[in-house]
Amino acid sequence: MAGTCCDTNANSADIAQDGRWRRALWIALAVNAGMFLVEIAAGVAAGSLSLAADALDFLGDAANYAISLVVAGMALTIRARAALLKGVTLLAFGSWIFGSTAWALWHGRLPDGQTMGLVGMLALVANVGVALLLYRYRTGDANMRSVWICSRNDAVGNVAVMLAAAGVLGTGSAWPDLMVAAILAGLAISGGVQIVRHALRELAPATPENAHGNKCNEGVLS
């Protein structure tokens, strides 16, 4: 067990120092920042809560990638704390979506299904590209896992937005848009819980069972 721990953390440290990891993050940062501008404008114009929520998700991911670029190559505890912050942010984001959905049940208007579908397709292409770019890093430390989880959840969320667009066009109701908003909230909360748990394990103090593993971490990452 201790040997496996050392090998895993050594690999994560090597990846964090890898220029390919940093280039992948820069590309992901640019794509997410650009898609935030596109989706926030389209969401406001179309009156779509799911598009607006997805736009904020793009903004949050862009910030996450920026944080990852800053902490890449630093000690495991620093990377774990950054991942913990991102996990808590995802949990807060999910709660905000639930609140906005409840508000829209009473005050929302019928969104533009065509705009939702077109922008949802563009967002899906962007997120699938980013997810494929980051796929090889999905088994790294908590910080790397958090980047992969965000990209994976975004691609799933975009499919839901497109289904909501079809539902809005087919039923003439805002309910599909609101249902997708709730789905996005669930994905954010689920991803946040996974990231927080993984980060807390890496931040846990040494015990007789894992003391050797923690010493390995310090030797590899100092």
C-alpha atoms as a PDB file:
ATOM      1  CA  MET A   1       0.000   0.000   0.000  1.00  0.00           C
ATOM      2  CA  ALA A   2       2.752   2.450   0.888  1.00  0.00           C
ATOM      3  CA  GLY A   3       4.617   1.689  -2.287  1.00  0.00           C
ATOM      4  CA  THR A   4       1.521   2.289  -4.368  1.00  0.00           C
ATOM      5  CA  CYS A   5       0.959   5.613  -2.634  1.00  0.00           C
ATOM      6  CA  CYS A   6       4.491   6.751  -3.379  1.00  0.00           C
ATOM      7  CA  ASP A   7       4.283   5.692  -7.019  1.00  0.00           C
ATOM      8  CA  THR A   8       0.965   7.467  -7.525  1.00  0.00           C
ATOM      9  CA  ASN A   9       2.119  10.752  -6.012  1.00  0.00           C
ATOM     10  CA  ALA A  10       5.415  10.653  -7.884  1.00  0.00           C
ATOM     11  CA  ASN A  11       3.482  10.277 -11.119  1.00  0.00           C
ATOM     12  CA  SER A  12       1.194  13.183 -10.190  1.00  0.00           C
ATOM     13  CA  ALA A  13       4.178  15.383  -9.399  1.00  0.00           C
ATOM     14  CA  ASP A  14       5.810  14.509 -12.719  1.00  0.00           C
ATOM     15  CA  ILE A  15       2.602  15.321 -14.579  1.00  0.00           C
ATOM     16  CA  ALA A  16       2.232  18.648 -12.751  1.00  0.00           C
ATOM     17  CA  GLN A  17       5.713  19.602 -13.965  1.00  0.00           C
ATOM     18  CA  ASP A  18       4.970  18.429 -17.508  1.00  0.00           C
ATOM     19  CA  GLY A  19       4.711  21.215 -20.051  1.00  0.00           C
ATOM     20  CA  ARG A  20       1.949  19.317 -21.850  1.00  0.00           C
ATOM     21  CA  TRP A  21      -0.248  19.518 -18.728  1.00  0.00           C
ATOM     22  CA  ARG A  22       0.215  23.285 -18.544  1.00  0.00           C
ATOM     23  CA  ARG A  23      -0.451  23.747 -22.264  1.00  0.00           C
ATOM     24  CA  ALA A  24      -3.634  21.691 -21.928  1.00  0.00           C
ATOM     25  CA  LEU A  25      -4.759  23.937 -19.070  1.00  0.00           C
ATOM     26  CA  TRP A  26      -4.058  27.107 -21.070  1.00  0.00           C
ATOM     27  CA  ILE A  27      -6.130  25.789 -23.983  1.00  0.00           C
ATOM     28  CA  ALA A  28      -8.953  24.784 -21.628  1.00  0.00           C
ATOM     29  CA  LEU A  29      -8.811  28.223 -19.974  1.00  0.00           C
ATOM     30  CA  ALA A  30      -9.121  30.037 -23.330  1.00  0.00           C
ATOM     31  CA  VAL A  31     -11.990  27.824 -24.529  1.00  0.00           C
ATOM     32  CA  ASN A  32     -13.974  28.206 -21.302  1.00  0.00           C
ATOM     33  CA  ALA A  33     -13.479  31.970 -21.080  1.00  0.00           C
ATOM     34  CA  GLY A  34     -14.637  32.375 -24.676  1.00  0.00           C
ATOM     35  CA  MET A  35     -17.664  30.140 -24.201  1.00  0.00           C
ATOM     36  CA  PHE A  36     -18.653  32.057 -21.082  1.00  0.00           C
ATOM     37  CA  LEU A  37     -18.971  35.241 -23.144  1.00  0.00           C
ATOM     38  CA  VAL A  38     -20.967  33.435 -25.833  1.00  0.00           C
ATOM     39  CA  GLU A  39     -23.350  31.653 -23.469  1.00  0.00           C
ATOM     40  CA  ILE A  40     -24.007  34.517 -21.077  1.00  0.00           C
ATOM     41  CA  ALA A  41     -24.991  36.747 -24.005  1.00  0.00           C
ATOM     42  CA  ALA A  42     -27.133  34.015 -25.573  1.00  0.00           C
ATOM     43  CA  GLY A  43     -28.714  33.058 -22.248  1.00  0.00           C
ATOM     44  CA  VAL A  44     -29.790  36.613 -21.487  1.00  0.00           C
ATOM     45  CA  ALA A  45     -31.060  37.167 -25.038  1.00  0.00           C
ATOM     46  CA  ALA A  46     -32.953  33.848 -25.131  1.00  0.00           C
ATOM     47  CA  GLY A  47     -34.279  34.057 -21.571  1.00  0.00           C
ATOM     48  CA  SER A  48     -32.847  30.603 -20.842  1.00  0.00           C
ATOM     49  CA  LEU A  49     -31.911  29.758 -17.256  1.00  0.00           C
ATOM     50  CA  SER A  50     -30.048  26.617 -18.313  1.00  0.00           C
ATOM     51  CA  LEU A  51     -27.887  28.561 -20.770  1.00  0.00           C
ATOM     52  CA  ALA A  52     -27.159  31.247 -18.201  1.00  0.00           C
ATOM     53  CA  ALA A  53     -26.266  28.574 -15.649  1.00  0.00           C
ATOM     54  CA  ASP A  54     -23.996  26.850 -18.133  1.00  0.00           C
ATOM     55  CA  ALA A  55     -22.332  30.210 -18.867  1.00  0.00           C
ATOM     56  CA  LEU A  56     -21.525  30.656 -15.188  1.00  0.00           C
ATOM     57  CA  ASP A  57     -20.201  27.106 -15.187  1.00  0.00           C
ATOM     58  CA  PHE A  58     -17.835  28.026 -18.028  1.00  0.00           C
ATOM     59  CA  LEU A  59     -16.700  31.052 -16.019  1.00  0.00           C
ATOM     60  CA  GLY A  60     -16.116  28.912 -12.944  1.00  0.00           C
ATOM     61  CA  ASP A  61     -14.139  26.378 -14.963  1.00  0.00           C
ATOM     62  CA  ALA A  62     -11.987  29.124 -16.477  1.00  0.00           C
ATOM     63  CA  ALA A  63     -11.185  30.268 -12.943  1.00  0.00           C
ATOM     64  CA  ASN A  64     -10.471  26.653 -11.937  1.00  0.00           C
ATOM     65  CA  TYR A  65      -8.009  26.206 -14.787  1.00  0.00           C
ATOM     66  CA  ALA A  66      -6.312  29.474 -13.855  1.00  0.00           C
ATOM     67  CA  ILE A  67      -5.937  28.228 -10.255  1.00  0.00           C
ATOM     68  CA  SER A  68      -4.583  24.913 -11.500  1.00  0.00           C
ATOM     69  CA  LEU A  69      -1.947  26.725 -13.565  1.00  0.00           C
ATOM     70  CA  VAL A  70      -0.811  28.610 -10.465  1.00  0.00           C
ATOM     71  CA  VAL A  71      -0.528  25.544  -8.186  1.00  0.00           C
ATOM     72  CA  ALA A  72       0.740  23.029 -10.773  1.00  0.00           C
ATOM     73  CA  GLY A  73       4.037  21.583  -9.559  1.00  0.00           C
ATOM     74  CA  MET A  74       3.606  22.831  -5.985  1.00  0.00           C
ATOM     75  CA  ALA A  75       3.431  20.600  -2.896  1.00  0.00           C
ATOM     76  CA  LEU A  76       0.600  18.087  -2.656  1.00  0.00           C
ATOM     77  CA  THR A  77      -0.985  19.917   0.296  1.00  0.00           C
ATOM     78  CA  ILE A  78      -1.176  23.171  -1.684  1.00  0.00           C
ATOM     79  CA  ARG A  79      -2.739  21.433  -4.669  1.00  0.00           C
ATOM     80  CA  ALA A  80      -5.193  19.643  -2.382  1.00  0.00           C
ATOM     81  CA  ARG A  81      -6.223  22.947  -0.776  1.00  0.00           C
ATOM     82  CA  ALA A  82      -6.815  24.461  -4.208  1.00  0.00           C
ATOM     83  CA  ALA A  83      -8.938  21.442  -5.133  1.00  0.00           C
ATOM     84  CA  LEU A  84     -10.854  21.798  -1.868  1.00  0.00           C
ATOM     85  CA  LEU A  85     -11.648  25.422  -2.732  1.00  0.00           C
ATOM     86  CA  LYS A  86     -12.878  24.360  -6.163  1.00  0.00           C
ATOM     87  CA  GLY A  87     -15.033  21.623  -4.645  1.00  0.00           C
ATOM     88  CA  VAL A  88     -16.677  24.047  -2.241  1.00  0.00           C
ATOM     89  CA  THR A  89     -17.254  26.444  -5.139  1.00  0.00           C
ATOM     90  CA  LEU A  90     -19.043  23.697  -7.084  1.00  0.00           C
ATOM     91  CA  LEU A  91     -21.277  23.004  -4.090  1.00  0.00           C
ATOM     92  CA  ALA A  92     -22.139  26.708  -3.840  1.00  0.00           C
ATOM     93  CA  PHE A  93     -22.808  26.842  -7.586  1.00  0.00           C
ATOM     94  CA  GLY A  94     -25.220  23.911  -7.354  1.00  0.00           C
ATOM     95  CA  SER A  95     -27.097  25.580  -4.512  1.00  0.00           C
ATOM     96  CA  TRP A  96     -27.382  28.792  -6.518  1.00  0.00           C
ATOM     97  CA  ILE A  97     -28.871  26.884  -9.461  1.00  0.00           C
ATOM     98  CA  PHE A  98     -31.501  25.294  -7.238  1.00  0.00           C
ATOM     99  CA  GLY A  99     -32.471  28.713  -5.863  1.00  0.00           C
ATOM    100  CA  SER A 100     -32.663  30.256  -9.330  1.00  0.00           C
ATOM    101  CA  THR A 101     -34.806  27.382 -10.568  1.00  0.00           C
ATOM    102  CA  ALA A 102     -37.254  27.874  -7.704  1.00  0.00           C
ATOM    103  CA  TRP A 103     -37.463  31.584  -8.491  1.00  0.00           C
ATOM    104  CA  ALA A 104     -38.033  30.901 -12.212  1.00  0.00           C
ATOM    105  CA  LEU A 105     -40.979  28.613 -11.439  1.00  0.00           C
ATOM    106  CA  TRP A 106     -42.927  31.747 -10.550  1.00  0.00           C
ATOM    107  CA  HIS A 107     -41.236  34.539 -12.487  1.00  0.00           C
ATOM    108  CA  GLY A 108     -39.585  32.911 -15.510  1.00  0.00           C
ATOM    109  CA  ARG A 109     -40.540  33.396 -19.162  1.00  0.00           C
ATOM    110  CA  LEU A 110     -40.585  31.017 -22.129  1.00  0.00           C
ATOM    111  CA  PRO A 111     -37.000  30.750 -23.471  1.00  0.00           C
ATOM    112  CA  ASP A 112     -35.982  30.730 -27.133  1.00  0.00           C
ATOM    113  CA  GLY A 113     -35.562  27.032 -27.914  1.00  0.00           C
ATOM    114  CA  GLN A 114     -33.713  27.585 -31.199  1.00  0.00           C
ATOM    115  CA  THR A 115     -31.029  29.724 -29.580  1.00  0.00           C
ATOM    116  CA  MET A 116     -30.728  27.188 -26.752  1.00  0.00           C
ATOM    117  CA  GLY A 117     -30.175  24.359 -29.238  1.00  0.00           C
ATOM    118  CA  LEU A 118     -27.574  26.153 -31.357  1.00  0.00           C
ATOM    119  CA  VAL A 119     -25.543  27.468 -28.439  1.00  0.00           C
ATOM    120  CA  GLY A 120     -25.881  24.151 -26.599  1.00  0.00           C
ATOM    121  CA  MET A 121     -24.371  22.348 -29.600  1.00  0.00           C
ATOM    122  CA  LEU A 122     -21.471  24.814 -29.748  1.00  0.00           C
ATOM    123  CA  ALA A 123     -20.876  24.393 -26.014  1.00  0.00           C
ATOM    124  CA  LEU A 124     -20.946  20.596 -26.356  1.00  0.00           C
ATOM    125  CA  VAL A 125     -18.282  20.661 -29.073  1.00  0.00           C
ATOM    126  CA  ALA A 126     -16.115  22.929 -26.909  1.00  0.00           C
ATOM    127  CA  ASN A 127     -16.481  20.812 -23.768  1.00  0.00           C
ATOM    128  CA  VAL A 128     -15.949  17.467 -25.497  1.00  0.00           C
ATOM    129  CA  GLY A 129     -12.751  18.860 -26.992  1.00  0.00           C
ATOM    130  CA  VAL A 130     -11.534  20.014 -23.563  1.00  0.00           C
ATOM    131  CA  ALA A 131     -12.548  16.717 -21.921  1.00  0.00           C
ATOM    132  CA  LEU A 132     -10.595  14.722 -24.515  1.00  0.00           C
ATOM    133  CA  LEU A 133      -7.620  17.016 -24.039  1.00  0.00           C
ATOM    134  CA  LEU A 134      -7.628  16.415 -20.272  1.00  0.00           C
ATOM    135  CA  TYR A 135      -8.645  12.721 -20.300  1.00  0.00           C
ATOM    136  CA  ARG A 136      -5.127  11.422 -19.708  1.00  0.00           C
ATOM    137  CA  TYR A 137      -4.896  13.383 -16.441  1.00  0.00           C
ATOM    138  CA  ARG A 138      -8.124  12.058 -14.871  1.00  0.00           C
ATOM    139  CA  THR A 139      -6.311   9.726 -12.422  1.00  0.00           C
ATOM    140  CA  GLY A 140      -3.868  12.276 -10.968  1.00  0.00           C
ATOM    141  CA  ASP A 141      -4.096  14.045  -7.609  1.00  0.00           C
ATOM    142  CA  ALA A 142      -7.216  15.838  -6.328  1.00  0.00           C
ATOM    143  CA  ASN A 143      -6.434  18.983  -8.311  1.00  0.00           C
ATOM    144  CA  MET A 144      -6.088  17.093 -11.603  1.00  0.00           C
ATOM    145  CA  ARG A 145      -9.170  14.989 -10.853  1.00  0.00           C
ATOM    146  CA  SER A 146     -11.146  18.169 -10.199  1.00  0.00           C
ATOM    147  CA  VAL A 147     -10.233  19.550 -13.638  1.00  0.00           C
ATOM    148  CA  TRP A 148     -11.306  16.297 -15.319  1.00  0.00           C
ATOM    149  CA  ILE A 149     -14.569  16.090 -13.327  1.00  0.00           C
ATOM    150  CA  CYS A 150     -15.506  19.655 -14.293  1.00  0.00           C
ATOM    151  CA  SER A 151     -14.905  18.983 -18.006  1.00  0.00           C
ATOM    152  CA  ARG A 152     -16.808  15.677 -17.928  1.00  0.00           C
ATOM    153  CA  ASN A 153     -19.802  17.205 -16.142  1.00  0.00           C
ATOM    154  CA  ASP A 154     -19.902  20.125 -18.558  1.00  0.00           C
ATOM    155  CA  ALA A 155     -20.193  17.844 -21.595  1.00  0.00           C
ATOM    156  CA  VAL A 156     -23.050  15.933 -19.959  1.00  0.00           C
ATOM    157  CA  GLY A 157     -24.721  19.227 -19.056  1.00  0.00           C
ATOM    158  CA  ASN A 158     -24.534  20.459 -22.654  1.00  0.00           C
ATOM    159  CA  VAL A 159     -26.400  17.377 -23.871  1.00  0.00           C
ATOM    160  CA  ALA A 160     -29.077  18.157 -21.298  1.00  0.00           C
ATOM    161  CA  VAL A 161     -29.320  21.767 -22.551  1.00  0.00           C
ATOM    162  CA  MET A 162     -29.882  20.509 -26.096  1.00  0.00           C
ATOM    163  CA  LEU A 163     -32.591  18.126 -24.885  1.00  0.00           C
ATOM    164  CA  ALA A 164     -34.187  21.031 -23.027  1.00  0.00           C
ATOM    165  CA  ALA A 165     -34.165  23.096 -26.216  1.00  0.00           C
ATOM    166  CA  ALA A 166     -36.010  20.314 -28.036  1.00  0.00           C
ATOM    167  CA  GLY A 167     -38.457  20.099 -25.154  1.00  0.00           C
ATOM    168  CA  VAL A 168     -39.129  23.846 -25.151  1.00  0.00           C
ATOM    169  CA  LEU A 169     -39.740  23.820 -28.903  1.00  0.00           C
ATOM    170  CA  GLY A 170     -41.924  20.724 -28.731  1.00  0.00           C
ATOM    171  CA  THR A 171     -44.073  21.664 -25.724  1.00  0.00           C
ATOM    172  CA  GLY A 172     -44.065  25.462 -25.762  1.00  0.00           C
ATOM    173  CA  SER A 173     -43.266  25.318 -22.036  1.00  0.00           C
ATOM    174  CA  ALA A 174     -40.350  26.501 -19.902  1.00  0.00           C
ATOM    175  CA  TRP A 175     -40.383  23.303 -17.844  1.00  0.00           C
ATOM    176  CA  PRO A 176     -37.647  21.524 -19.871  1.00  0.00           C
ATOM    177  CA  ASP A 177     -35.338  24.498 -19.331  1.00  0.00           C
ATOM    178  CA  LEU A 178     -36.001  24.419 -15.579  1.00  0.00           C
ATOM    179  CA  MET A 179     -35.477  20.656 -15.410  1.00  0.00           C
ATOM    180  CA  VAL A 180     -32.052  21.016 -17.028  1.00  0.00           C
ATOM    181  CA  ALA A 181     -31.174  23.737 -14.532  1.00  0.00           C
ATOM    182  CA  ALA A 182     -31.913  21.231 -11.757  1.00  0.00           C
ATOM    183  CA  ILE A 183     -29.772  18.587 -13.515  1.00  0.00           C
ATOM    184  CA  LEU A 184     -26.851  21.005 -13.741  1.00  0.00           C
ATOM    185  CA  ALA A 185     -27.232  21.715 -10.033  1.00  0.00           C
ATOM    186  CA  GLY A 186     -27.104  17.992  -9.271  1.00  0.00           C
ATOM    187  CA  LEU A 187     -23.960  17.548 -11.374  1.00  0.00           C
ATOM    188  CA  ALA A 188     -22.271  20.479  -9.662  1.00  0.00           C
ATOM    189  CA  ILE A 189     -23.082  19.145  -6.200  1.00  0.00           C
ATOM    190  CA  SER A 190     -22.017  15.596  -7.081  1.00  0.00           C
ATOM    191  CA  GLY A 191     -18.729  16.779  -8.566  1.00  0.00           C
ATOM    192  CA  GLY A 192     -18.119  19.072  -5.615  1.00  0.00           C
ATOM    193  CA  VAL A 193     -18.610  16.235  -3.128  1.00  0.00           C
ATOM    194  CA  GLN A 194     -16.159  14.003  -5.031  1.00  0.00           C
ATOM    195  CA  ILE A 195     -13.505  16.716  -5.169  1.00  0.00           C
ATOM    196  CA  VAL A 196     -13.900  17.687  -1.501  1.00  0.00           C
ATOM    197  CA  ARG A 197     -13.646  14.058  -0.332  1.00  0.00           C
ATOM    198  CA  HIS A 198     -10.525  13.407  -2.407  1.00  0.00           C
ATOM    199  CA  ALA A 199      -8.881  16.639  -1.251  1.00  0.00           C
ATOM    200  CA  LEU A 200      -9.684  15.971   2.410  1.00  0.00           C
ATOM    201  CA  ARG A 201      -8.080  12.528   2.136  1.00  0.00           C
ATOM    202  CA  GLU A 202      -4.898  14.143   0.834  1.00  0.00           C
ATOM    203  CA  LEU A 203      -4.989  16.748   3.616  1.00  0.00           C
ATOM    204  CA  ALA A 204      -5.654  14.190   6.379  1.00  0.00           C
ATOM    205  CA  PRO A 205      -2.929  14.095   9.085  1.00  0.00           C
ATOM    206  CA  ALA A 206      -0.571  11.147   9.156  1.00  0.00           C
ATOM    207  CA  THR A 207      -1.703   8.003  11.018  1.00  0.00           C
ATOM    208  CA  PRO A 208       0.248   4.819  11.854  1.00  0.00           C
ATOM    209  CA  GLU A 209      -1.345   3.293   8.765  1.00  0.00           C
ATOM    210  CA  ASN A 210      -0.450   6.039   6.304  1.00  0.00           C
ATOM    211  CA  ALA A 211       2.505   7.761   7.972  1.00  0.00           C
ATOM    212  CA  HIS A 212       4.946   6.147   5.553  1.00  0.00           C
ATOM    213  CA  GLY A 213       2.839   7.314   2.614  1.00  0.00           C
ATOM    214  CA  ASN A 214       2.860  10.898   3.870  1.00  0.00           C
ATOM    215  CA  LYS A 215       6.640  10.791   4.211  1.00  0.00           C
ATOM    216  CA  CYS A 216       6.822   9.588   0.622  1.00  0.00           C
ATOM    217  CA  ASN A 217       4.696  12.540  -0.435  1.00  0.00           C
ATOM    218  CA  GLU A 218       6.994  14.998   1.295  1.00  0.00           C
ATOM    219  CA  GLY A 219      10.059  13.450  -0.270  1.00  0.00           C
ATOM    220  CA  VAL A 220       8.603  13.463  -3.745  1.00  0.00           C
ATOM    221  CA  LEU A 221       6.943  16.871  -3.690  1.00  0.00           C
ATOM    222  CA  SER A 222       9.274  19.010  -1.567  1.00  0.00           C
END
